[in-house]
Amino acid sequence: MLAEDLRGMLDGFNSTLKRAGASVPADVLLGLNQLSSTLDELKESVRSNEHERRNLQALAEVGQVVNSSLDLTNVLREVIDTLIRITGAERAFLMLLDGNRDLEIRTARNWERESLNSGDQQVSRTIIDRVMERGEAVLTTNALEDPRFGGQESIVAYNLRSILAVPLKVKGELIGVIYA
């Protein structure tokens, strides 16, 4: 807002000077424009820092829940609810490997902090398999057009767009996947 106000004031001041037959020296205008650009950069930096602060606060809240509850189900729900809040996802899933090394959905939640029933638990096996095989996170902002996944049946069938899938590891061993 400050940068826009400054630009408006400069334009008004410059117009007034022109009507009076005077002008602002070019180096002064250049300096003021640089100041305006710097203010824009600072504004963006403050916005980014605020976003980072909110994320760190959310992680601290998750840490409090983990430390205050012995109920794994409640802890997993809180972790997923926080992930949804931070990312703006419509829904998220926490899947853990069972005794047969198959992924089992342990928590499935939506943006309204409600648990999803099994009919609403559609995920892309292609993306989950990729995370499991490589042990690396996957992020796509348009899965339908992403060359890695665009033609996959689950992506098309579920009309999936933005997807984040992250491996869960304990001491370097893959134990599950978080999918949002």
C-alpha atoms as a PDB file:
ATOM      1  CA  MET A   1       0.000   0.000   0.000  1.00  0.00           C
ATOM      2  CA  LEU A   2       2.811   2.390   0.859  1.00  0.00           C
ATOM      3  CA  ALA A   3       4.480   1.941  -2.531  1.00  0.00           C
ATOM      4  CA  GLU A   4       1.215   2.694  -4.349  1.00  0.00           C
ATOM      5  CA  ASP A   5       0.655   5.774  -2.171  1.00  0.00           C
ATOM      6  CA  LEU A   6       4.181   6.954  -2.923  1.00  0.00           C
ATOM      7  CA  ARG A   7       3.669   6.493  -6.667  1.00  0.00           C
ATOM      8  CA  GLY A   8       0.393   8.417  -6.516  1.00  0.00           C
ATOM      9  CA  MET A   9       2.019  11.259  -4.603  1.00  0.00           C
ATOM     10  CA  LEU A  10       4.922  11.358  -7.072  1.00  0.00           C
ATOM     11  CA  ASP A  11       2.586  11.467 -10.057  1.00  0.00           C
ATOM     12  CA  GLY A  12       0.550  14.261  -8.466  1.00  0.00           C
ATOM     13  CA  PHE A  13       3.684  16.196  -7.529  1.00  0.00           C
ATOM     14  CA  ASN A  14       5.133  15.772 -11.019  1.00  0.00           C
ATOM     15  CA  SER A  15       1.853  16.961 -12.617  1.00  0.00           C
ATOM     16  CA  THR A  16       1.813  20.029 -10.379  1.00  0.00           C
ATOM     17  CA  LEU A  17       5.407  20.859 -11.300  1.00  0.00           C
ATOM     18  CA  LYS A  18       4.704  20.439 -15.023  1.00  0.00           C
ATOM     19  CA  ARG A  19       1.726  22.828 -14.840  1.00  0.00           C
ATOM     20  CA  ALA A  20       3.988  25.358 -13.122  1.00  0.00           C
ATOM     21  CA  GLY A  21       6.590  24.958 -15.865  1.00  0.00           C
ATOM     22  CA  ALA A  22       9.071  23.124 -13.658  1.00  0.00           C
ATOM     23  CA  SER A  23      10.184  19.509 -13.579  1.00  0.00           C
ATOM     24  CA  VAL A  24      11.718  17.068 -11.178  1.00  0.00           C
ATOM     25  CA  PRO A  25      15.344  16.279 -11.973  1.00  0.00           C
ATOM     26  CA  ALA A  26      15.745  12.850 -13.626  1.00  0.00           C
ATOM     27  CA  ASP A  27      18.064  11.561 -10.895  1.00  0.00           C
ATOM     28  CA  VAL A  28      15.494  12.439  -8.219  1.00  0.00           C
ATOM     29  CA  LEU A  29      12.777  10.598 -10.179  1.00  0.00           C
ATOM     30  CA  LEU A  30      15.081   7.616 -10.590  1.00  0.00           C
ATOM     31  CA  GLY A  31      15.845   7.553  -6.879  1.00  0.00           C
ATOM     32  CA  LEU A  32      12.170   7.796  -5.974  1.00  0.00           C
ATOM     33  CA  ASN A  33      11.287   4.999  -8.380  1.00  0.00           C
ATOM     34  CA  GLN A  34      14.015   2.846  -6.842  1.00  0.00           C
ATOM     35  CA  LEU A  35      12.613   3.636  -3.409  1.00  0.00           C
ATOM     36  CA  SER A  36       9.167   2.626  -4.604  1.00  0.00           C
ATOM     37  CA  SER A  37      10.537  -0.675  -5.956  1.00  0.00           C
ATOM     38  CA  THR A  38      12.346  -1.325  -2.682  1.00  0.00           C
ATOM     39  CA  LEU A  39       9.115  -0.731  -0.783  1.00  0.00           C
ATOM     40  CA  ASP A  40       7.361  -3.254  -3.048  1.00  0.00           C
ATOM     41  CA  GLU A  41      10.078  -5.814  -2.293  1.00  0.00           C
ATOM     42  CA  LEU A  42       9.816  -5.153   1.439  1.00  0.00           C
ATOM     43  CA  LYS A  43       6.042  -5.558   1.270  1.00  0.00           C
ATOM     44  CA  GLU A  44       6.445  -8.954  -0.396  1.00  0.00           C
ATOM     45  CA  SER A  45       9.073  -9.974   2.132  1.00  0.00           C
ATOM     46  CA  VAL A  46       6.776  -9.065   5.031  1.00  0.00           C
ATOM     47  CA  ARG A  47       3.949 -11.056   3.416  1.00  0.00           C
ATOM     48  CA  SER A  48       6.254 -14.058   2.994  1.00  0.00           C
ATOM     49  CA  ASN A  49       7.514 -13.793   6.574  1.00  0.00           C
ATOM     50  CA  GLU A  50       3.940 -13.653   7.876  1.00  0.00           C
ATOM     51  CA  HIS A  51       3.092 -16.794   5.913  1.00  0.00           C
ATOM     52  CA  GLU A  52       6.184 -18.511   7.319  1.00  0.00           C
ATOM     53  CA  ARG A  53       5.257 -17.423  10.856  1.00  0.00           C
ATOM     54  CA  ARG A  54       1.753 -18.906  10.499  1.00  0.00           C
ATOM     55  CA  ASN A  55       3.225 -22.185   9.265  1.00  0.00           C
ATOM     56  CA  LEU A  56       5.684 -22.357  12.154  1.00  0.00           C
ATOM     57  CA  GLN A  57       2.875 -21.612  14.584  1.00  0.00           C
ATOM     58  CA  ALA A  58       0.836 -24.471  13.093  1.00  0.00           C
ATOM     59  CA  LEU A  59       3.806 -26.822  13.465  1.00  0.00           C
ATOM     60  CA  ALA A  60       4.224 -25.743  17.076  1.00  0.00           C
ATOM     61  CA  GLU A  61       0.550 -26.541  17.663  1.00  0.00           C
ATOM     62  CA  VAL A  62       1.065 -30.016  16.182  1.00  0.00           C
ATOM     63  CA  GLY A  63       4.051 -30.473  18.476  1.00  0.00           C
ATOM     64  CA  GLN A  64       1.888 -29.592  21.465  1.00  0.00           C
ATOM     65  CA  VAL A  65      -0.737 -32.149  20.450  1.00  0.00           C
ATOM     66  CA  VAL A  66       1.899 -34.834  19.912  1.00  0.00           C
ATOM     67  CA  ASN A  67       3.393 -34.127  23.321  1.00  0.00           C
ATOM     68  CA  SER A  68       0.061 -33.898  25.144  1.00  0.00           C
ATOM     69  CA  SER A  69      -1.828 -36.893  23.755  1.00  0.00           C
ATOM     70  CA  LEU A  70      -1.200 -40.599  23.963  1.00  0.00           C
ATOM     71  CA  ASP A  71      -4.051 -41.294  21.532  1.00  0.00           C
ATOM     72  CA  LEU A  72      -2.450 -41.932  18.134  1.00  0.00           C
ATOM     73  CA  THR A  73      -5.740 -41.412  16.275  1.00  0.00           C
ATOM     74  CA  ASN A  74      -6.159 -37.905  17.737  1.00  0.00           C
ATOM     75  CA  VAL A  75      -2.558 -37.019  16.982  1.00  0.00           C
ATOM     76  CA  LEU A  76      -2.855 -38.169  13.356  1.00  0.00           C
ATOM     77  CA  ARG A  77      -6.096 -36.227  12.899  1.00  0.00           C
ATOM     78  CA  GLU A  78      -4.496 -33.067  14.239  1.00  0.00           C
ATOM     79  CA  VAL A  79      -1.468 -33.505  11.988  1.00  0.00           C
ATOM     80  CA  ILE A  80      -3.689 -33.905   8.913  1.00  0.00           C
ATOM     81  CA  ASP A  81      -5.998 -31.024   9.909  1.00  0.00           C
ATOM     82  CA  THR A  82      -2.948 -28.788  10.303  1.00  0.00           C
ATOM     83  CA  LEU A  83      -1.572 -29.900   6.939  1.00  0.00           C
ATOM     84  CA  ILE A  84      -4.892 -29.056   5.286  1.00  0.00           C
ATOM     85  CA  ARG A  85      -4.937 -25.649   6.962  1.00  0.00           C
ATOM     86  CA  ILE A  86      -1.342 -24.856   5.935  1.00  0.00           C
ATOM     87  CA  THR A  87      -1.654 -26.045   2.335  1.00  0.00           C
ATOM     88  CA  GLY A  88      -5.269 -25.106   1.653  1.00  0.00           C
ATOM     89  CA  ALA A  89      -5.915 -28.673   0.456  1.00  0.00           C
ATOM     90  CA  GLU A  90      -9.471 -29.953   0.056  1.00  0.00           C
ATOM     91  CA  ARG A  91      -8.536 -33.235   1.710  1.00  0.00           C
ATOM     92  CA  ALA A  92      -5.519 -35.115   2.988  1.00  0.00           C
ATOM     93  CA  PHE A  93      -4.607 -38.670   3.902  1.00  0.00           C
ATOM     94  CA  LEU A  94      -2.032 -40.232   6.174  1.00  0.00           C
ATOM     95  CA  MET A  95      -1.168 -43.767   5.104  1.00  0.00           C
ATOM     96  CA  LEU A  96       1.080 -46.151   7.020  1.00  0.00           C
ATOM     97  CA  LEU A  97       2.566 -49.475   6.015  1.00  0.00           C
ATOM     98  CA  ASP A  98       0.893 -52.438   7.696  1.00  0.00           C
ATOM     99  CA  GLY A  99       2.473 -55.794   8.604  1.00  0.00           C
ATOM    100  CA  ASN A 100       2.286 -56.944   4.965  1.00  0.00           C
ATOM    101  CA  ARG A 101       4.038 -53.750   3.774  1.00  0.00           C
ATOM    102  CA  ASP A 102       0.781 -52.528   2.186  1.00  0.00           C
ATOM    103  CA  LEU A 103      -0.319 -48.931   2.683  1.00  0.00           C
ATOM    104  CA  GLU A 104      -3.315 -48.521   4.950  1.00  0.00           C
ATOM    105  CA  ILE A 105      -5.172 -45.205   5.227  1.00  0.00           C
ATOM    106  CA  ARG A 106      -5.000 -44.323   8.913  1.00  0.00           C
ATOM    107  CA  THR A 107      -6.485 -40.836   8.667  1.00  0.00           C
ATOM    108  CA  ALA A 108      -8.503 -39.225   5.899  1.00  0.00           C
ATOM    109  CA  ARG A 109      -9.847 -35.729   6.519  1.00  0.00           C
ATOM    110  CA  ASN A 110     -11.362 -32.848   4.574  1.00  0.00           C
ATOM    111  CA  TRP A 111     -11.022 -29.068   4.853  1.00  0.00           C
ATOM    112  CA  GLU A 112     -14.037 -28.975   7.212  1.00  0.00           C
ATOM    113  CA  ARG A 113     -12.082 -31.096   9.716  1.00  0.00           C
ATOM    114  CA  GLU A 114     -14.312 -34.090   9.081  1.00  0.00           C
ATOM    115  CA  SER A 115     -13.224 -37.668   8.597  1.00  0.00           C
ATOM    116  CA  LEU A 116     -13.824 -39.022   5.105  1.00  0.00           C
ATOM    117  CA  ASN A 117     -15.733 -42.229   4.517  1.00  0.00           C
ATOM    118  CA  SER A 118     -14.220 -44.883   2.279  1.00  0.00           C
ATOM    119  CA  GLY A 119     -16.158 -43.659  -0.801  1.00  0.00           C
ATOM    120  CA  ASP A 120     -14.413 -40.275  -0.590  1.00  0.00           C
ATOM    121  CA  GLN A 121     -10.922 -41.699  -0.227  1.00  0.00           C
ATOM    122  CA  GLN A 122      -9.789 -41.428  -3.831  1.00  0.00           C
ATOM    123  CA  VAL A 123      -6.050 -41.070  -4.272  1.00  0.00           C
ATOM    124  CA  SER A 124      -3.709 -41.479  -7.203  1.00  0.00           C
ATOM    125  CA  ARG A 125      -1.947 -44.825  -6.891  1.00  0.00           C
ATOM    126  CA  THR A 126       0.488 -43.646  -9.560  1.00  0.00           C
ATOM    127  CA  ILE A 127       1.714 -40.796  -7.374  1.00  0.00           C
ATOM    128  CA  ILE A 128       1.724 -42.843  -4.179  1.00  0.00           C
ATOM    129  CA  ASP A 129       3.662 -45.642  -5.889  1.00  0.00           C
ATOM    130  CA  ARG A 130       6.184 -43.097  -7.162  1.00  0.00           C
ATOM    131  CA  VAL A 131       6.711 -41.719  -3.645  1.00  0.00           C
ATOM    132  CA  MET A 132       7.056 -45.238  -2.241  1.00  0.00           C
ATOM    133  CA  GLU A 133       9.522 -46.352  -4.934  1.00  0.00           C
ATOM    134  CA  ARG A 134      11.729 -43.263  -4.899  1.00  0.00           C
ATOM    135  CA  GLY A 135      11.282 -42.134  -1.302  1.00  0.00           C
ATOM    136  CA  GLU A 136      10.973 -38.552  -2.558  1.00  0.00           C
ATOM    137  CA  ALA A 137       8.164 -36.010  -2.292  1.00  0.00           C
ATOM    138  CA  VAL A 138       5.981 -35.235  -5.295  1.00  0.00           C
ATOM    139  CA  LEU A 139       4.422 -31.837  -5.907  1.00  0.00           C
ATOM    140  CA  THR A 140       2.356 -30.972  -8.953  1.00  0.00           C
ATOM    141  CA  THR A 141       0.156 -27.942  -9.467  1.00  0.00           C
ATOM    142  CA  ASN A 142      -1.701 -29.398 -12.441  1.00  0.00           C
ATOM    143  CA  ALA A 143      -1.586 -33.188 -12.463  1.00  0.00           C
ATOM    144  CA  LEU A 144      -3.715 -33.439 -15.621  1.00  0.00           C
ATOM    145  CA  GLU A 145      -1.097 -31.557 -17.630  1.00  0.00           C
ATOM    146  CA  ASP A 146       1.993 -32.736 -15.749  1.00  0.00           C
ATOM    147  CA  PRO A 147       3.982 -34.951 -18.169  1.00  0.00           C
ATOM    148  CA  ARG A 148       4.835 -37.290 -15.281  1.00  0.00           C
ATOM    149  CA  PHE A 149       1.173 -38.086 -14.558  1.00  0.00           C
ATOM    150  CA  GLY A 150      -1.163 -36.524 -17.154  1.00  0.00           C
ATOM    151  CA  GLY A 151      -2.291 -39.725 -18.829  1.00  0.00           C
ATOM    152  CA  GLN A 152      -2.752 -41.817 -15.694  1.00  0.00           C
ATOM    153  CA  GLU A 153      -6.220 -43.251 -15.188  1.00  0.00           C
ATOM    154  CA  SER A 154      -6.604 -42.182 -11.533  1.00  0.00           C
ATOM    155  CA  ILE A 155      -5.558 -38.598 -12.303  1.00  0.00           C
ATOM    156  CA  VAL A 156      -8.111 -38.329 -15.093  1.00  0.00           C
ATOM    157  CA  ALA A 157     -10.877 -40.289 -13.336  1.00  0.00           C
ATOM    158  CA  TYR A 158     -10.701 -38.240 -10.130  1.00  0.00           C
ATOM    159  CA  ASN A 159      -9.969 -34.955 -11.971  1.00  0.00           C
ATOM    160  CA  LEU A 160      -6.971 -34.340  -9.706  1.00  0.00           C
ATOM    161  CA  ARG A 161      -5.129 -31.028  -9.969  1.00  0.00           C
ATOM    162  CA  SER A 162      -2.720 -29.928  -7.261  1.00  0.00           C
ATOM    163  CA  ILE A 163      -1.193 -32.808  -5.350  1.00  0.00           C
ATOM    164  CA  LEU A 164       1.425 -33.032  -2.637  1.00  0.00           C
ATOM    165  CA  ALA A 165       2.643 -36.461  -1.570  1.00  0.00           C
ATOM    166  CA  VAL A 166       5.442 -36.817   0.975  1.00  0.00           C
ATOM    167  CA  PRO A 167       7.171 -39.961   2.230  1.00  0.00           C
ATOM    168  CA  LEU A 168       7.126 -40.598   5.956  1.00  0.00           C
ATOM    169  CA  LYS A 169      10.409 -41.987   7.184  1.00  0.00           C
ATOM    170  CA  VAL A 170      11.737 -43.101  10.533  1.00  0.00           C
ATOM    171  CA  LYS A 171      15.514 -43.442  10.722  1.00  0.00           C
ATOM    172  CA  GLY A 172      15.671 -43.508   6.937  1.00  0.00           C
ATOM    173  CA  GLU A 173      13.095 -46.288   6.576  1.00  0.00           C
ATOM    174  CA  LEU A 174       9.888 -45.529   4.701  1.00  0.00           C
ATOM    175  CA  ILE A 175       6.844 -46.115   6.918  1.00  0.00           C
ATOM    176  CA  GLY A 176       4.097 -44.335   4.987  1.00  0.00           C
ATOM    177  CA  VAL A 177       2.929 -41.413   2.873  1.00  0.00           C
ATOM    178  CA  ILE A 178       1.091 -38.168   3.510  1.00  0.00           C
ATOM    179  CA  TYR A 179      -1.048 -37.239   0.506  1.00  0.00           C
ATOM    180  CA  ALA A 180      -2.928 -33.952   0.087  1.00  0.00           C
END
